[in-house]
């Protein structure tokens, strides 16, 4: 719901690094969002 609220309002890209091995730098649960100029996943997908 938190991720959908941000992506729904602003588009762009939400992401989650599931643990240290997946690139998470902090142990406290956190999702992330970046604006369009940072990354556009849709450009890479069919």
ModelCIF file with pLDDT and N, C-alpha, C, O atoms, coordinates in Angstrom:
data_MODEL
#
_entry.id   MODEL 
#
_entity.id                         1 
_entity.type                       polymer 
_entity.pdbx_number_of_molecules   1 
#
_entity_poly.entity_id                      1 
_entity_poly.type                           'polypeptide(L)' 
_entity_poly.nstd_linkage                   no 
_entity_poly.nstd_monomer                   no 
_entity_poly.pdbx_seq_one_letter_code       
;(UNK)(UNK)(UNK)(UNK)(UNK)(UNK)(UNK)(UNK)(UNK)(UNK)(UNK)(UNK)(UNK)(UNK)(UNK)(UNK)
(UNK)(UNK)(UNK)(UNK)(UNK)(UNK)(UNK)(UNK)(UNK)(UNK)(UNK)(UNK)(UNK)(UNK)(UNK)(UNK)
(UNK)(UNK)(UNK)(UNK)(UNK)(UNK)(UNK)(UNK)(UNK)(UNK)(UNK)(UNK)(UNK)(UNK)
;
_entity_poly.pdbx_seq_one_letter_code_can   XXXXXXXXXXXXXXXXXXXXXXXXXXXXXXXXXXXXXXXXXXXXXX 
_entity_poly.pdbx_strand_id                 A 
#
loop_
_entity_poly_seq.entity_id 
_entity_poly_seq.num 
_entity_poly_seq.mon_id 
_entity_poly_seq.hetero 
1 1  UNK n 
1 2  UNK n 
1 3  UNK n 
1 4  UNK n 
1 5  UNK n 
1 6  UNK n 
1 7  UNK n 
1 8  UNK n 
1 9  UNK n 
1 10 UNK n 
1 11 UNK n 
1 12 UNK n 
1 13 UNK n 
1 14 UNK n 
1 15 UNK n 
1 16 UNK n 
1 17 UNK n 
1 18 UNK n 
1 19 UNK n 
1 20 UNK n 
1 21 UNK n 
1 22 UNK n 
1 23 UNK n 
1 24 UNK n 
1 25 UNK n 
1 26 UNK n 
1 27 UNK n 
1 28 UNK n 
1 29 UNK n 
1 30 UNK n 
1 31 UNK n 
1 32 UNK n 
1 33 UNK n 
1 34 UNK n 
1 35 UNK n 
1 36 UNK n 
1 37 UNK n 
1 38 UNK n 
1 39 UNK n 
1 40 UNK n 
1 41 UNK n 
1 42 UNK n 
1 43 UNK n 
1 44 UNK n 
1 45 UNK n 
1 46 UNK n 
#
_struct_asym.id          A 
_struct_asym.entity_id   1 
#
loop_
_ma_qa_metric.id 
_ma_qa_metric.mode 
_ma_qa_metric.name 
_ma_qa_metric.software_group_id 
_ma_qa_metric.type 
1 global pLDDT . pLDDT 
2 local  pLDDT . pLDDT 
#
_ma_qa_metric_global.metric_id      1 
_ma_qa_metric_global.metric_value   88.48 
_ma_qa_metric_global.model_id       1 
_ma_qa_metric_global.ordinal_id     1 
#
loop_
_ma_qa_metric_local.label_asym_id 
_ma_qa_metric_local.label_comp_id 
_ma_qa_metric_local.label_seq_id 
_ma_qa_metric_local.metric_id 
_ma_qa_metric_local.metric_value 
_ma_qa_metric_local.model_id 
_ma_qa_metric_local.ordinal_id 
A UNK 1  2 96.00 1 1  
A UNK 2  2 96.00 1 2  
A UNK 3  2 96.00 1 3  
A UNK 4  2 96.00 1 4  
A UNK 5  2 95.00 1 5  
A UNK 6  2 95.00 1 6  
A UNK 7  2 95.00 1 7  
A UNK 8  2 94.00 1 8  
A UNK 9  2 93.00 1 9  
A UNK 10 2 92.00 1 10 
A UNK 11 2 89.00 1 11 
A UNK 12 2 90.00 1 12 
A UNK 13 2 93.00 1 13 
A UNK 14 2 95.00 1 14 
A UNK 15 2 96.00 1 15 
A UNK 16 2 97.00 1 16 
A UNK 17 2 97.00 1 17 
A UNK 18 2 97.00 1 18 
A UNK 19 2 97.00 1 19 
A UNK 20 2 97.00 1 20 
A UNK 21 2 97.00 1 21 
A UNK 22 2 97.00 1 22 
A UNK 23 2 95.00 1 23 
A UNK 24 2 95.00 1 24 
A UNK 25 2 92.00 1 25 
A UNK 26 2 92.00 1 26 
A UNK 27 2 95.00 1 27 
A UNK 28 2 95.00 1 28 
A UNK 29 2 96.00 1 29 
A UNK 30 2 96.00 1 30 
A UNK 31 2 96.00 1 31 
A UNK 32 2 95.00 1 32 
A UNK 33 2 93.00 1 33 
A UNK 34 2 91.00 1 34 
A UNK 35 2 84.00 1 35 
A UNK 36 2 73.00 1 36 
A UNK 37 2 64.00 1 37 
A UNK 38 2 59.00 1 38 
A UNK 39 2 62.00 1 39 
A UNK 40 2 66.00 1 40 
A UNK 41 2 71.00 1 41 
A UNK 42 2 69.00 1 42 
A UNK 43 2 70.00 1 43 
A UNK 44 2 72.00 1 44 
A UNK 45 2 79.00 1 45 
A UNK 46 2 80.00 1 46 
#
loop_
_atom_site.group_PDB 
_atom_site.id 
_atom_site.type_symbol 
_atom_site.label_atom_id 
_atom_site.label_alt_id 
_atom_site.label_comp_id 
_atom_site.label_asym_id 
_atom_site.label_entity_id 
_atom_site.label_seq_id 
_atom_site.pdbx_PDB_ins_code 
_atom_site.Cartn_x 
_atom_site.Cartn_y 
_atom_site.Cartn_z 
_atom_site.occupancy 
_atom_site.B_iso_or_equiv 
_atom_site.pdbx_formal_charge 
_atom_site.auth_seq_id 
_atom_site.auth_comp_id 
_atom_site.auth_asym_id 
_atom_site.auth_atom_id 
_atom_site.pdbx_PDB_model_num 
ATOM 1   N N  . UNK A 1 1  ? 0.834  -1.207 0.000   1.00 96.00 ? 1  UNK A N  1 
ATOM 2   C CA . UNK A 1 1  ? 0.000  0.000  0.000   1.00 96.00 ? 1  UNK A CA 1 
ATOM 3   C C  . UNK A 1 1  ? 0.870  1.260  0.000   1.00 96.00 ? 1  UNK A C  1 
ATOM 4   O O  . UNK A 1 1  ? 0.581  2.212  -0.725  1.00 96.00 ? 1  UNK A O  1 
ATOM 5   N N  . UNK A 1 2  ? 1.926  1.269  0.804   1.00 96.00 ? 2  UNK A N  1 
ATOM 6   C CA . UNK A 1 2  ? 2.828  2.433  0.844   1.00 96.00 ? 2  UNK A CA 1 
ATOM 7   C C  . UNK A 1 2  ? 3.515  2.622  -0.507  1.00 96.00 ? 2  UNK A C  1 
ATOM 8   O O  . UNK A 1 2  ? 3.621  3.745  -1.001  1.00 96.00 ? 2  UNK A O  1 
ATOM 9   N N  . UNK A 1 3  ? 3.976  1.536  -1.095  1.00 96.00 ? 3  UNK A N  1 
ATOM 10  C CA . UNK A 1 3  ? 4.628  1.623  -2.396  1.00 96.00 ? 3  UNK A CA 1 
ATOM 11  C C  . UNK A 1 3  ? 3.652  2.088  -3.467  1.00 96.00 ? 3  UNK A C  1 
ATOM 12  O O  . UNK A 1 3  ? 3.991  2.929  -4.299  1.00 96.00 ? 3  UNK A O  1 
ATOM 13  N N  . UNK A 1 4  ? 2.439  1.539  -3.445  1.00 96.00 ? 4  UNK A N  1 
ATOM 14  C CA . UNK A 1 4  ? 1.424  1.915  -4.438  1.00 96.00 ? 4  UNK A CA 1 
ATOM 15  C C  . UNK A 1 4  ? 1.035  3.386  -4.299  1.00 96.00 ? 4  UNK A C  1 
ATOM 16  O O  . UNK A 1 4  ? 0.761  4.043  -5.304  1.00 96.00 ? 4  UNK A O  1 
ATOM 17  N N  . UNK A 1 5  ? 1.006  3.910  -3.086  1.00 95.00 ? 5  UNK A N  1 
ATOM 18  C CA . UNK A 1 5  ? 0.654  5.324  -2.892  1.00 95.00 ? 5  UNK A CA 1 
ATOM 19  C C  . UNK A 1 5  ? 1.667  6.231  -3.579  1.00 95.00 ? 5  UNK A C  1 
ATOM 20  O O  . UNK A 1 5  ? 1.291  7.227  -4.196  1.00 95.00 ? 5  UNK A O  1 
ATOM 21  N N  . UNK A 1 6  ? 2.938  5.894  -3.476  1.00 95.00 ? 6  UNK A N  1 
ATOM 22  C CA . UNK A 1 6  ? 3.979  6.737  -4.071  1.00 95.00 ? 6  UNK A CA 1 
ATOM 23  C C  . UNK A 1 6  ? 4.030  6.553  -5.588  1.00 95.00 ? 6  UNK A C  1 
ATOM 24  O O  . UNK A 1 6  ? 4.026  7.532  -6.334  1.00 95.00 ? 6  UNK A O  1 
ATOM 25  N N  . UNK A 1 7  ? 4.077  5.296  -6.043  1.00 95.00 ? 7  UNK A N  1 
ATOM 26  C CA . UNK A 1 7  ? 4.147  5.044  -7.486  1.00 95.00 ? 7  UNK A CA 1 
ATOM 27  C C  . UNK A 1 7  ? 2.858  5.519  -8.166  1.00 95.00 ? 7  UNK A C  1 
ATOM 28  O O  . UNK A 1 7  ? 2.903  6.045  -9.278  1.00 95.00 ? 7  UNK A O  1 
ATOM 29  N N  . UNK A 1 8  ? 1.716  5.336  -7.505  1.00 94.00 ? 8  UNK A N  1 
ATOM 30  C CA . UNK A 1 8  ? 0.457  5.802  -8.082  1.00 94.00 ? 8  UNK A CA 1 
ATOM 31  C C  . UNK A 1 8  ? 0.421  7.305  -8.260  1.00 94.00 ? 8  UNK A C  1 
ATOM 32  O O  . UNK A 1 8  ? -0.079 7.800  -9.270  1.00 94.00 ? 8  UNK A O  1 
ATOM 33  N N  . UNK A 1 9  ? 0.943  8.033  -7.297  1.00 93.00 ? 9  UNK A N  1 
ATOM 34  C CA . UNK A 1 9  ? 0.923  9.492  -7.361  1.00 93.00 ? 9  UNK A CA 1 
ATOM 35  C C  . UNK A 1 9  ? 2.000  10.064 -8.278  1.00 93.00 ? 9  UNK A C  1 
ATOM 36  O O  . UNK A 1 9  ? 1.790  11.090 -8.926  1.00 93.00 ? 9  UNK A O  1 
ATOM 37  N N  . UNK A 1 10 ? 3.154  9.396  -8.331  1.00 92.00 ? 10 UNK A N  1 
ATOM 38  C CA . UNK A 1 10 ? 4.303  9.997  -9.015  1.00 92.00 ? 10 UNK A CA 1 
ATOM 39  C C  . UNK A 1 10 ? 4.881  9.176  -10.161 1.00 92.00 ? 10 UNK A C  1 
ATOM 40  O O  . UNK A 1 10 ? 5.765  9.650  -10.875 1.00 92.00 ? 10 UNK A O  1 
ATOM 41  N N  . UNK A 1 11 ? 4.385  7.931  -10.350 1.00 89.00 ? 11 UNK A N  1 
ATOM 42  C CA . UNK A 1 11 ? 4.941  7.093  -11.402 1.00 89.00 ? 11 UNK A CA 1 
ATOM 43  C C  . UNK A 1 11 ? 6.370  6.685  -11.087 1.00 89.00 ? 11 UNK A C  1 
ATOM 44  O O  . UNK A 1 11 ? 6.719  6.431  -9.934  1.00 89.00 ? 11 UNK A O  1 
ATOM 45  N N  . UNK A 1 12 ? 7.170  6.626  -12.101 1.00 90.00 ? 12 UNK A N  1 
ATOM 46  C CA . UNK A 1 12 ? 8.599  6.322  -11.987 1.00 90.00 ? 12 UNK A CA 1 
ATOM 47  C C  . UNK A 1 12 ? 8.835  4.926  -11.449 1.00 90.00 ? 12 UNK A C  1 
ATOM 48  O O  . UNK A 1 12 ? 8.159  3.994  -11.882 1.00 90.00 ? 12 UNK A O  1 
ATOM 49  N N  . UNK A 1 13 ? 9.769  4.738  -10.517 1.00 93.00 ? 13 UNK A N  1 
ATOM 50  C CA . UNK A 1 13 ? 10.187 3.398  -10.136 1.00 93.00 ? 13 UNK A CA 1 
ATOM 51  C C  . UNK A 1 13 ? 10.271 3.216  -8.628  1.00 93.00 ? 13 UNK A C  1 
ATOM 52  O O  . UNK A 1 13 ? 10.967 3.962  -7.939  1.00 93.00 ? 13 UNK A O  1 
ATOM 53  N N  . UNK A 1 14 ? 9.547  2.206  -8.117  1.00 95.00 ? 14 UNK A N  1 
ATOM 54  C CA . UNK A 1 14 ? 9.672  1.786  -6.735  1.00 95.00 ? 14 UNK A CA 1 
ATOM 55  C C  . UNK A 1 14 ? 10.493 0.510  -6.700  1.00 95.00 ? 14 UNK A C  1 
ATOM 56  O O  . UNK A 1 14 ? 10.449 -0.287 -7.637  1.00 95.00 ? 14 UNK A O  1 
ATOM 57  N N  . UNK A 1 15 ? 11.244 0.313  -5.620  1.00 96.00 ? 15 UNK A N  1 
ATOM 58  C CA . UNK A 1 15 ? 12.046 -0.908 -5.551  1.00 96.00 ? 15 UNK A CA 1 
ATOM 59  C C  . UNK A 1 15 ? 12.317 -1.322 -4.112  1.00 96.00 ? 15 UNK A C  1 
ATOM 60  O O  . UNK A 1 15 ? 12.148 -0.553 -3.165  1.00 96.00 ? 15 UNK A O  1 
ATOM 61  N N  . UNK A 1 16 ? 12.748 -2.577 -3.994  1.00 97.00 ? 16 UNK A N  1 
ATOM 62  C CA . UNK A 1 16 ? 13.025 -3.164 -2.689  1.00 97.00 ? 16 UNK A CA 1 
ATOM 63  C C  . UNK A 1 16 ? 14.219 -4.098 -2.815  1.00 97.00 ? 16 UNK A C  1 
ATOM 64  O O  . UNK A 1 16 ? 14.264 -4.955 -3.697  1.00 97.00 ? 16 UNK A O  1 
ATOM 65  N N  . UNK A 1 17 ? 15.178 -3.919 -1.926  1.00 97.00 ? 17 UNK A N  1 
ATOM 66  C CA . UNK A 1 17 ? 16.340 -4.787 -1.837  1.00 97.00 ? 17 UNK A CA 1 
ATOM 67  C C  . UNK A 1 17 ? 16.105 -5.728 -0.660  1.00 97.00 ? 17 UNK A C  1 
ATOM 68  O O  . UNK A 1 17 ? 16.251 -5.324 0.494   1.00 97.00 ? 17 UNK A O  1 
ATOM 69  N N  . UNK A 1 18 ? 15.749 -6.955 -0.938  1.00 97.00 ? 18 UNK A N  1 
ATOM 70  C CA . UNK A 1 18 ? 15.373 -7.916 0.098   1.00 97.00 ? 18 UNK A CA 1 
ATOM 71  C C  . UNK A 1 18 ? 16.575 -8.497 0.822   1.00 97.00 ? 18 UNK A C  1 
ATOM 72  O O  . UNK A 1 18 ? 16.960 -9.640 0.574   1.00 97.00 ? 18 UNK A O  1 
ATOM 73  N N  . UNK A 1 19 ? 17.170 -7.718 1.714   1.00 97.00 ? 19 UNK A N  1 
ATOM 74  C CA . UNK A 1 19 ? 18.290 -8.169 2.530   1.00 97.00 ? 19 UNK A CA 1 
ATOM 75  C C  . UNK A 1 19 ? 19.640 -7.706 2.015   1.00 97.00 ? 19 UNK A C  1 
ATOM 76  O O  . UNK A 1 19 ? 19.757 -7.208 0.895   1.00 97.00 ? 19 UNK A O  1 
ATOM 77  N N  . UNK A 1 20 ? 20.660 -7.879 2.850   1.00 97.00 ? 20 UNK A N  1 
ATOM 78  C CA . UNK A 1 20 ? 22.014 -7.428 2.535   1.00 97.00 ? 20 UNK A CA 1 
ATOM 79  C C  . UNK A 1 20 ? 22.519 -8.027 1.227   1.00 97.00 ? 20 UNK A C  1 
ATOM 80  O O  . UNK A 1 20 ? 23.117 -7.324 0.412   1.00 97.00 ? 20 UNK A O  1 
ATOM 81  N N  . UNK A 1 21 ? 22.282 -9.325 1.021   1.00 97.00 ? 21 UNK A N  1 
ATOM 82  C CA . UNK A 1 21 ? 22.770 -9.986 -0.190  1.00 97.00 ? 21 UNK A CA 1 
ATOM 83  C C  . UNK A 1 21 ? 22.119 -9.401 -1.441  1.00 97.00 ? 21 UNK A C  1 
ATOM 84  O O  . UNK A 1 21 ? 22.669 -9.521 -2.536  1.00 97.00 ? 21 UNK A O  1 
ATOM 85  N N  . UNK A 1 22 ? 20.966 -8.776 -1.293  1.00 97.00 ? 22 UNK A N  1 
ATOM 86  C CA . UNK A 1 22 ? 20.276 -8.136 -2.419  1.00 97.00 ? 22 UNK A CA 1 
ATOM 87  C C  . UNK A 1 22 ? 20.618 -6.649 -2.531  1.00 97.00 ? 22 UNK A C  1 
ATOM 88  O O  . UNK A 1 22 ? 19.995 -5.929 -3.312  1.00 97.00 ? 22 UNK A O  1 
ATOM 89  N N  . UNK A 1 23 ? 21.599 -6.187 -1.762  1.00 95.00 ? 23 UNK A N  1 
ATOM 90  C CA . UNK A 1 23 ? 22.041 -4.804 -1.868  1.00 95.00 ? 23 UNK A CA 1 
ATOM 91  C C  . UNK A 1 23 ? 21.479 -3.852 -0.836  1.00 95.00 ? 23 UNK A C  1 
ATOM 92  O O  . UNK A 1 23 ? 21.708 -2.647 -0.941  1.00 95.00 ? 23 UNK A O  1 
ATOM 93  N N  . UNK A 1 24 ? 20.743 -4.343 0.169   1.00 95.00 ? 24 UNK A N  1 
ATOM 94  C CA . UNK A 1 24 ? 20.214 -3.460 1.212   1.00 95.00 ? 24 UNK A CA 1 
ATOM 95  C C  . UNK A 1 24 ? 21.360 -3.004 2.114   1.00 95.00 ? 24 UNK A C  1 
ATOM 96  O O  . UNK A 1 24 ? 22.132 -3.821 2.617   1.00 95.00 ? 24 UNK A O  1 
ATOM 97  N N  . UNK A 1 25 ? 21.457 -1.713 2.307   1.00 92.00 ? 25 UNK A N  1 
ATOM 98  C CA . UNK A 1 25 ? 22.523 -1.176 3.154   1.00 92.00 ? 25 UNK A CA 1 
ATOM 99  C C  . UNK A 1 25 ? 22.071 -0.977 4.600   1.00 92.00 ? 25 UNK A C  1 
ATOM 100 O O  . UNK A 1 25 ? 22.898 -0.715 5.473   1.00 92.00 ? 25 UNK A O  1 
ATOM 101 N N  . UNK A 1 26 ? 20.766 -1.097 4.861   1.00 92.00 ? 26 UNK A N  1 
ATOM 102 C CA . UNK A 1 26 ? 20.214 -0.919 6.203   1.00 92.00 ? 26 UNK A CA 1 
ATOM 103 C C  . UNK A 1 26 ? 19.357 -2.127 6.563   1.00 92.00 ? 26 UNK A C  1 
ATOM 104 O O  . UNK A 1 26 ? 18.706 -2.709 5.696   1.00 92.00 ? 26 UNK A O  1 
ATOM 105 N N  . UNK A 1 27 ? 19.354 -2.501 7.827   1.00 95.00 ? 27 UNK A N  1 
ATOM 106 C CA . UNK A 1 27 ? 18.576 -3.657 8.285   1.00 95.00 ? 27 UNK A CA 1 
ATOM 107 C C  . UNK A 1 27 ? 17.104 -3.322 8.525   1.00 95.00 ? 27 UNK A C  1 
ATOM 108 O O  . UNK A 1 27 ? 16.271 -4.228 8.563   1.00 95.00 ? 27 UNK A O  1 
ATOM 109 N N  . UNK A 1 28 ? 16.761 -2.023 8.690   1.00 95.00 ? 28 UNK A N  1 
ATOM 110 C CA . UNK A 1 28 ? 15.383 -1.597 8.938   1.00 95.00 ? 28 UNK A CA 1 
ATOM 111 C C  . UNK A 1 28 ? 14.608 -1.637 7.618   1.00 95.00 ? 28 UNK A C  1 
ATOM 112 O O  . UNK A 1 28 ? 15.046 -1.062 6.621   1.00 95.00 ? 28 UNK A O  1 
ATOM 113 N N  . UNK A 1 29 ? 13.462 -2.315 7.613   1.00 96.00 ? 29 UNK A N  1 
ATOM 114 C CA . UNK A 1 29 ? 12.678 -2.496 6.385   1.00 96.00 ? 29 UNK A CA 1 
ATOM 115 C C  . UNK A 1 29 ? 12.350 -1.156 5.740   1.00 96.00 ? 29 UNK A C  1 
ATOM 116 O O  . UNK A 1 29 ? 11.797 -0.254 6.370   1.00 96.00 ? 29 UNK A O  1 
ATOM 117 N N  . UNK A 1 30 ? 12.713 -1.054 4.457   1.00 96.00 ? 30 UNK A N  1 
ATOM 118 C CA . UNK A 1 30 ? 12.422 0.160  3.702   1.00 96.00 ? 30 UNK A CA 1 
ATOM 119 C C  . UNK A 1 30 ? 12.320 -0.150 2.220   1.00 96.00 ? 30 UNK A C  1 
ATOM 120 O O  . UNK A 1 30 ? 13.169 -0.833 1.647   1.00 96.00 ? 30 UNK A O  1 
ATOM 121 N N  . UNK A 1 31 ? 11.273 0.361  1.622   1.00 96.00 ? 31 UNK A N  1 
ATOM 122 C CA . UNK A 1 31 ? 11.150 0.363  0.169   1.00 96.00 ? 31 UNK A CA 1 
ATOM 123 C C  . UNK A 1 31 ? 11.729 1.685  -0.309  1.00 96.00 ? 31 UNK A C  1 
ATOM 124 O O  . UNK A 1 31 ? 11.976 2.586  0.493   1.00 96.00 ? 31 UNK A O  1 
ATOM 125 N N  . UNK A 1 32 ? 11.943 1.803  -1.609  1.00 95.00 ? 32 UNK A N  1 
ATOM 126 C CA . UNK A 1 32 ? 12.529 3.028  -2.136  1.00 95.00 ? 32 UNK A CA 1 
ATOM 127 C C  . UNK A 1 32 ? 11.827 3.439  -3.429  1.00 95.00 ? 32 UNK A C  1 
ATOM 128 O O  . UNK A 1 32 ? 11.159 2.638  -4.082  1.00 95.00 ? 32 UNK A O  1 
ATOM 129 N N  . UNK A 1 33 ? 11.999 4.703  -3.769  1.00 93.00 ? 33 UNK A N  1 
ATOM 130 C CA . UNK A 1 33 ? 11.423 5.254  -4.991  1.00 93.00 ? 33 UNK A CA 1 
ATOM 131 C C  . UNK A 1 33 ? 12.439 6.210  -5.596  1.00 93.00 ? 33 UNK A C  1 
ATOM 132 O O  . UNK A 1 33 ? 13.113 6.952  -4.883  1.00 93.00 ? 33 UNK A O  1 
ATOM 133 N N  . UNK A 1 34 ? 12.540 6.183  -6.926  1.00 91.00 ? 34 UNK A N  1 
ATOM 134 C CA . UNK A 1 34 ? 13.391 7.136  -7.634  1.00 91.00 ? 34 UNK A CA 1 
ATOM 135 C C  . UNK A 1 34 ? 12.596 7.739  -8.789  1.00 91.00 ? 34 UNK A C  1 
ATOM 136 O O  . UNK A 1 34 ? 11.710 7.094  -9.350  1.00 91.00 ? 34 UNK A O  1 
ATOM 137 N N  . UNK A 1 35 ? 12.922 8.987  -9.138  1.00 84.00 ? 35 UNK A N  1 
ATOM 138 C CA . UNK A 1 35 ? 12.203 9.668  -10.225 1.00 84.00 ? 35 UNK A CA 1 
ATOM 139 C C  . UNK A 1 35 ? 12.620 9.159  -11.602 1.00 84.00 ? 35 UNK A C  1 
ATOM 140 O O  . UNK A 1 35 ? 13.561 8.377  -11.737 1.00 84.00 ? 35 UNK A O  1 
ATOM 141 N N  . UNK A 1 36 ? 11.911 9.613  -12.596 1.00 73.00 ? 36 UNK A N  1 
ATOM 142 C CA . UNK A 1 36 ? 12.102 9.128  -13.969 1.00 73.00 ? 36 UNK A CA 1 
ATOM 143 C C  . UNK A 1 36 ? 13.518 9.315  -14.486 1.00 73.00 ? 36 UNK A C  1 
ATOM 144 O O  . UNK A 1 36 ? 14.032 8.443  -15.187 1.00 73.00 ? 36 UNK A O  1 
ATOM 145 N N  . UNK A 1 37 ? 14.163 10.430 -14.160 1.00 64.00 ? 37 UNK A N  1 
ATOM 146 C CA . UNK A 1 37 ? 15.496 10.646 -14.713 1.00 64.00 ? 37 UNK A CA 1 
ATOM 147 C C  . UNK A 1 37 ? 16.520 9.670  -14.140 1.00 64.00 ? 37 UNK A C  1 
ATOM 148 O O  . UNK A 1 37 ? 17.604 9.519  -14.704 1.00 64.00 ? 37 UNK A O  1 
ATOM 149 N N  . UNK A 1 38 ? 16.203 9.015  -13.049 1.00 59.00 ? 38 UNK A N  1 
ATOM 150 C CA . UNK A 1 38 ? 17.133 8.059  -12.442 1.00 59.00 ? 38 UNK A CA 1 
ATOM 151 C C  . UNK A 1 38 ? 17.056 6.693  -13.100 1.00 59.00 ? 38 UNK A C  1 
ATOM 152 O O  . UNK A 1 38 ? 18.074 6.018  -13.256 1.00 59.00 ? 38 UNK A O  1 
ATOM 153 N N  . UNK A 1 39 ? 15.874 6.286  -13.482 1.00 62.00 ? 39 UNK A N  1 
ATOM 154 C CA . UNK A 1 39 ? 15.712 4.949  -14.031 1.00 62.00 ? 39 UNK A CA 1 
ATOM 155 C C  . UNK A 1 39 ? 14.311 4.792  -14.596 1.00 62.00 ? 39 UNK A C  1 
ATOM 156 O O  . UNK A 1 39 ? 13.350 5.358  -14.076 1.00 62.00 ? 39 UNK A O  1 
ATOM 157 N N  . UNK A 1 40 ? 14.209 4.030  -15.646 1.00 66.00 ? 40 UNK A N  1 
ATOM 158 C CA . UNK A 1 40 ? 12.902 3.796  -16.272 1.00 66.00 ? 40 UNK A CA 1 
ATOM 159 C C  . UNK A 1 40 ? 12.781 2.319  -16.612 1.00 66.00 ? 40 UNK A C  1 
ATOM 160 O O  . UNK A 1 40 ? 13.135 1.906  -17.716 1.00 66.00 ? 40 UNK A O  1 
ATOM 161 N N  . UNK A 1 41 ? 12.294 1.535  -15.690 1.00 71.00 ? 41 UNK A N  1 
ATOM 162 C CA . UNK A 1 41 ? 12.171 0.095  -15.884 1.00 71.00 ? 41 UNK A CA 1 
ATOM 163 C C  . UNK A 1 41 ? 11.334 -0.231 -17.112 1.00 71.00 ? 41 UNK A C  1 
ATOM 164 O O  . UNK A 1 41 ? 11.651 -1.167 -17.847 1.00 71.00 ? 41 UNK A O  1 
ATOM 165 N N  . UNK A 1 42 ? 10.279 0.524  -17.339 1.00 69.00 ? 42 UNK A N  1 
ATOM 166 C CA . UNK A 1 42 ? 9.400  0.261  -18.459 1.00 69.00 ? 42 UNK A CA 1 
ATOM 167 C C  . UNK A 1 42 ? 10.115 0.244  -19.802 1.00 69.00 ? 42 UNK A C  1 
ATOM 168 O O  . UNK A 1 42 ? 9.676  -0.435 -20.731 1.00 69.00 ? 42 UNK A O  1 
ATOM 169 N N  . UNK A 1 43 ? 11.214 0.986  -19.910 1.00 70.00 ? 43 UNK A N  1 
ATOM 170 C CA . UNK A 1 43 ? 11.978 1.017  -21.156 1.00 70.00 ? 43 UNK A CA 1 
ATOM 171 C C  . UNK A 1 43 ? 12.644 -0.323 -21.464 1.00 70.00 ? 43 UNK A C  1 
ATOM 172 O O  . UNK A 1 43 ? 12.992 -0.592 -22.614 1.00 70.00 ? 43 UNK A O  1 
ATOM 173 N N  . UNK A 1 44 ? 12.824 -1.162 -20.445 1.00 72.00 ? 44 UNK A N  1 
ATOM 174 C CA . UNK A 1 44 ? 13.528 -2.429 -20.610 1.00 72.00 ? 44 UNK A CA 1 
ATOM 175 C C  . UNK A 1 44 ? 12.596 -3.622 -20.745 1.00 72.00 ? 44 UNK A C  1 
ATOM 176 O O  . UNK A 1 44 ? 13.055 -4.742 -20.971 1.00 72.00 ? 44 UNK A O  1 
ATOM 177 N N  . UNK A 1 45 ? 11.296 -3.399 -20.608 1.00 79.00 ? 45 UNK A N  1 
ATOM 178 C CA . UNK A 1 45 ? 10.362 -4.519 -20.543 1.00 79.00 ? 45 UNK A CA 1 
ATOM 179 C C  . UNK A 1 45 ? 9.486  -4.621 -21.782 1.00 79.00 ? 45 UNK A C  1 
ATOM 180 O O  . UNK A 1 45 ? 9.198  -3.616 -22.431 1.00 79.00 ? 45 UNK A O  1 
ATOM 181 N N  . UNK A 1 46 ? 9.063  -5.838 -22.107 1.00 80.00 ? 46 UNK A N  1 
ATOM 182 C CA . UNK A 1 46 ? 8.104  -5.995 -23.204 1.00 80.00 ? 46 UNK A CA 1 
ATOM 183 C C  . UNK A 1 46 ? 6.719  -5.512 -22.758 1.00 80.00 ? 46 UNK A C  1 
ATOM 184 O O  . UNK A 1 46 ? 5.768  -5.560 -23.537 1.00 80.00 ? 46 UNK A O  1 
#
